[in-house]
Structures are given as C-alpha cells and as structure tokens.
C-alpha cells in the first residue's frame, strides 16, 4: 500500500489512474451490458466516452512528460 501511495503522490498520476480505471470499466460495461442497445441515446453517450477518455489520457500523458 505504501508503494501505491508513493506512485500516486501528485495530481497528474492520480488523474492518469482515474482515466485508466474509467476506460477499463466503461469497456467492460459496453461488452457485457445490454442497456446501450435498449436505450439508443444512452448507448451513443456510452460508446462515445471511450474515445473521449483516450484523448484525455493522451493529454494527461503529454502533460506528464512536460511536467517532469
């Protein structure tokens, strides 16, 4: 637990971890849930969040390179 605390000690690594968890959980939700097929507007929003999160992750990656 102490190692995890040392890794996520600043805001940029916390943001990267949160975006990663959101991408993984949203991908698994899209794979195993039938709610996006039942509700089309929810499906559009749900499926469009994955590319948006990838772009946000790329921006965080660039900021992490420039920050260090």
N, C-alpha and C. Protein backbone atom coordinates (compact mmCIF):
# COMPACT_ATOMS: atom_id res chain seq x y z
N UNK A 1 0.81 -1.18 0.00
CA UNK A 1 0.00 0.00 0.00
C UNK A 1 0.86 1.26 0.00
N UNK A 2 2.01 1.17 0.64
CA UNK A 2 2.90 2.33 0.68
C UNK A 2 3.47 2.61 -0.71
N UNK A 3 3.72 1.58 -1.49
CA UNK A 3 4.22 1.76 -2.85
C UNK A 3 3.18 2.47 -3.72
N UNK A 4 1.92 2.10 -3.58
CA UNK A 4 0.87 2.75 -4.35
C UNK A 4 0.75 4.22 -3.95
N UNK A 5 0.90 4.50 -2.67
CA UNK A 5 0.86 5.89 -2.20
C UNK A 5 2.01 6.70 -2.77
N UNK A 6 3.17 6.08 -2.92
CA UNK A 6 4.32 6.79 -3.49
C UNK A 6 4.17 7.01 -5.00
N UNK A 7 3.52 6.09 -5.68
CA UNK A 7 3.33 6.24 -7.13
C UNK A 7 2.33 7.34 -7.42
N UNK A 8 1.21 7.35 -6.71
CA UNK A 8 0.15 8.31 -6.97
C UNK A 8 0.24 9.50 -6.01
N UNK A 9 1.41 10.11 -5.93
CA UNK A 9 1.60 11.19 -4.97
C UNK A 9 1.27 12.57 -5.54
N UNK A 10 1.19 12.73 -6.84
CA UNK A 10 0.85 14.04 -7.39
C UNK A 10 -0.43 13.94 -8.22
N UNK A 11 -0.93 15.07 -8.64
CA UNK A 11 -2.24 15.14 -9.30
C UNK A 11 -2.23 14.52 -10.68
N UNK A 12 -1.09 14.56 -11.38
CA UNK A 12 -1.06 14.06 -12.75
C UNK A 12 -1.13 12.53 -12.79
N UNK A 13 -0.47 11.87 -11.84
CA UNK A 13 -0.55 10.40 -11.81
C UNK A 13 -1.91 9.94 -11.28
N UNK A 14 -2.50 10.69 -10.37
CA UNK A 14 -3.86 10.35 -9.92
C UNK A 14 -4.85 10.47 -11.07
N UNK A 15 -4.73 11.54 -11.85
CA UNK A 15 -5.63 11.71 -13.00
C UNK A 15 -5.44 10.59 -14.02
N UNK A 16 -4.19 10.21 -14.25
CA UNK A 16 -3.93 9.11 -15.19
C UNK A 16 -4.52 7.80 -14.68
N UNK A 17 -4.42 7.54 -13.40
CA UNK A 17 -5.01 6.33 -12.83
C UNK A 17 -6.51 6.32 -12.91
N UNK A 18 -7.13 7.47 -12.67
CA UNK A 18 -8.59 7.57 -12.74
C UNK A 18 -9.07 7.37 -14.17
N UNK A 19 -8.38 7.97 -15.13
CA UNK A 19 -8.77 7.80 -16.54
C UNK A 19 -8.60 6.35 -16.97
N UNK A 20 -7.54 5.70 -16.53
CA UNK A 20 -7.34 4.29 -16.88
C UNK A 20 -8.45 3.41 -16.31
N UNK A 21 -8.81 3.63 -15.06
CA UNK A 21 -9.88 2.83 -14.44
C UNK A 21 -11.21 3.10 -15.15
N UNK A 22 -11.47 4.34 -15.52
CA UNK A 22 -12.70 4.66 -16.25
C UNK A 22 -12.75 3.99 -17.62
N UNK A 23 -11.63 3.98 -18.34
CA UNK A 23 -11.60 3.33 -19.65
C UNK A 23 -11.85 1.83 -19.53
N UNK A 24 -11.20 1.19 -18.57
CA UNK A 24 -11.37 -0.26 -18.41
C UNK A 24 -12.79 -0.59 -17.98
N UNK A 25 -13.32 0.14 -17.01
CA UNK A 25 -14.67 -0.17 -16.53
C UNK A 25 -15.73 0.12 -17.60
N UNK A 26 -15.56 1.19 -18.35
CA UNK A 26 -16.51 1.50 -19.41
C UNK A 26 -16.45 0.49 -20.55
N UNK A 27 -15.26 -0.01 -20.85
CA UNK A 27 -15.13 -1.03 -21.89
C UNK A 27 -15.82 -2.33 -21.47
N UNK A 28 -15.61 -2.75 -20.21
CA UNK A 28 -16.28 -3.95 -19.74
C UNK A 28 -17.79 -3.77 -19.66
N UNK A 29 -18.23 -2.58 -19.29
CA UNK A 29 -19.67 -2.32 -19.27
C UNK A 29 -20.26 -2.40 -20.67
N UNK A 30 -19.55 -1.86 -21.65
CA UNK A 30 -20.04 -1.93 -23.04
C UNK A 30 -20.07 -3.35 -23.56
N UNK A 31 -19.14 -4.18 -23.11
CA UNK A 31 -19.11 -5.57 -23.58
C UNK A 31 -20.23 -6.41 -22.98
N UNK A 32 -20.51 -6.24 -21.70
CA UNK A 32 -21.39 -7.17 -21.00
C UNK A 32 -22.79 -6.64 -20.72
N UNK A 33 -23.06 -5.39 -20.98
CA UNK A 33 -24.38 -4.84 -20.69
C UNK A 33 -25.21 -4.71 -21.96
N UNK A 34 -26.50 -4.89 -21.81
CA UNK A 34 -27.38 -4.70 -22.96
C UNK A 34 -28.15 -3.38 -22.86
N UNK A 35 -27.84 -2.55 -21.89
CA UNK A 35 -28.51 -1.25 -21.76
C UNK A 35 -28.25 -0.32 -22.94
N UNK A 36 -27.03 -0.26 -23.51
CA UNK A 36 -26.85 0.62 -24.68
C UNK A 36 -27.70 0.22 -25.88
N UNK A 37 -28.01 -1.06 -26.03
CA UNK A 37 -28.86 -1.47 -27.13
C UNK A 37 -30.34 -1.16 -26.86
N UNK A 38 -30.73 -1.19 -25.59
CA UNK A 38 -32.12 -0.89 -25.26
C UNK A 38 -32.42 0.60 -25.34
N UNK A 39 -31.48 1.41 -24.92
CA UNK A 39 -31.67 2.86 -24.89
C UNK A 39 -30.64 3.52 -25.81
N UNK A 40 -31.02 3.89 -27.02
CA UNK A 40 -30.06 4.37 -28.01
C UNK A 40 -29.30 5.64 -27.61
N UNK A 41 -29.96 6.59 -26.96
CA UNK A 41 -29.26 7.81 -26.57
C UNK A 41 -28.20 7.51 -25.51
N UNK A 42 -28.53 6.65 -24.58
CA UNK A 42 -27.55 6.22 -23.58
C UNK A 42 -26.40 5.48 -24.24
N UNK A 43 -26.69 4.69 -25.26
CA UNK A 43 -25.65 3.97 -25.98
C UNK A 43 -24.71 4.89 -26.72
N UNK A 44 -25.25 5.93 -27.34
CA UNK A 44 -24.40 6.90 -28.05
C UNK A 44 -23.46 7.58 -27.07
N UNK A 45 -24.01 8.02 -25.95
CA UNK A 45 -23.16 8.69 -24.94
C UNK A 45 -22.15 7.71 -24.38
N UNK A 46 -22.57 6.50 -24.10
CA UNK A 46 -21.70 5.50 -23.50
C UNK A 46 -20.56 5.10 -24.44
N UNK A 47 -20.88 4.83 -25.70
CA UNK A 47 -19.84 4.41 -26.63
C UNK A 47 -18.93 5.56 -27.04
N UNK A 48 -19.42 6.79 -26.97
CA UNK A 48 -18.57 7.93 -27.34
C UNK A 48 -17.62 8.32 -26.20
N UNK A 49 -17.85 7.83 -25.01
CA UNK A 49 -16.98 8.18 -23.89
C UNK A 49 -15.60 7.51 -23.99
N UNK A 50 -15.51 6.36 -24.61
CA UNK A 50 -14.22 5.67 -24.70
C UNK A 50 -13.21 6.47 -25.53
N UNK A 51 -13.53 6.94 -26.74
CA UNK A 51 -12.55 7.75 -27.46
C UNK A 51 -12.24 9.07 -26.77
N UNK A 52 -13.24 9.66 -26.11
CA UNK A 52 -13.00 10.90 -25.38
C UNK A 52 -12.01 10.65 -24.25
N UNK A 53 -12.17 9.54 -23.55
CA UNK A 53 -11.24 9.23 -22.46
C UNK A 53 -9.85 8.92 -22.98
N UNK A 54 -9.74 8.31 -24.17
CA UNK A 54 -8.42 8.08 -24.76
C UNK A 54 -7.74 9.40 -25.09
N UNK A 55 -8.49 10.37 -25.59
CA UNK A 55 -7.91 11.68 -25.89
C UNK A 55 -7.48 12.37 -24.60
N UNK A 56 -8.31 12.30 -23.57
CA UNK A 56 -7.95 12.89 -22.28
C UNK A 56 -6.71 12.20 -21.70
N UNK A 57 -6.62 10.89 -21.86
CA UNK A 57 -5.43 10.17 -21.41
C UNK A 57 -4.18 10.61 -22.16
N UNK A 58 -4.31 10.86 -23.46
CA UNK A 58 -3.17 11.36 -24.23
C UNK A 58 -2.74 12.74 -23.79
N UNK A 59 -3.70 13.60 -23.47
CA UNK A 59 -3.37 14.94 -22.97
C UNK A 59 -2.67 14.84 -21.62
N UNK A 60 -3.15 13.96 -20.76
CA UNK A 60 -2.50 13.77 -19.46
C UNK A 60 -1.10 13.22 -19.64
N UNK A 61 -0.91 12.32 -20.61
CA UNK A 61 0.42 11.77 -20.88
C UNK A 61 1.38 12.86 -21.33
N UNK A 62 0.93 13.73 -22.22
CA UNK A 62 1.78 14.84 -22.68
C UNK A 62 2.09 15.79 -21.54
N UNK A 63 1.10 16.09 -20.70
CA UNK A 63 1.34 16.94 -19.55
C UNK A 63 2.33 16.31 -18.57
N UNK A 64 2.24 14.99 -18.41
CA UNK A 64 3.18 14.32 -17.51
C UNK A 64 4.60 14.38 -18.04
N UNK A 65 4.77 14.31 -19.35
CA UNK A 65 6.11 14.43 -19.94
C UNK A 65 6.63 15.85 -19.77
N UNK A 66 5.78 16.83 -20.02
CA UNK A 66 6.22 18.22 -19.89
C UNK A 66 6.43 18.63 -18.44
N UNK A 67 5.67 18.03 -17.54
CA UNK A 67 5.76 18.38 -16.13
C UNK A 67 7.06 17.91 -15.50
N UNK A 68 7.56 16.76 -15.90
CA UNK A 68 8.76 16.21 -15.26
C UNK A 68 10.04 16.73 -15.85
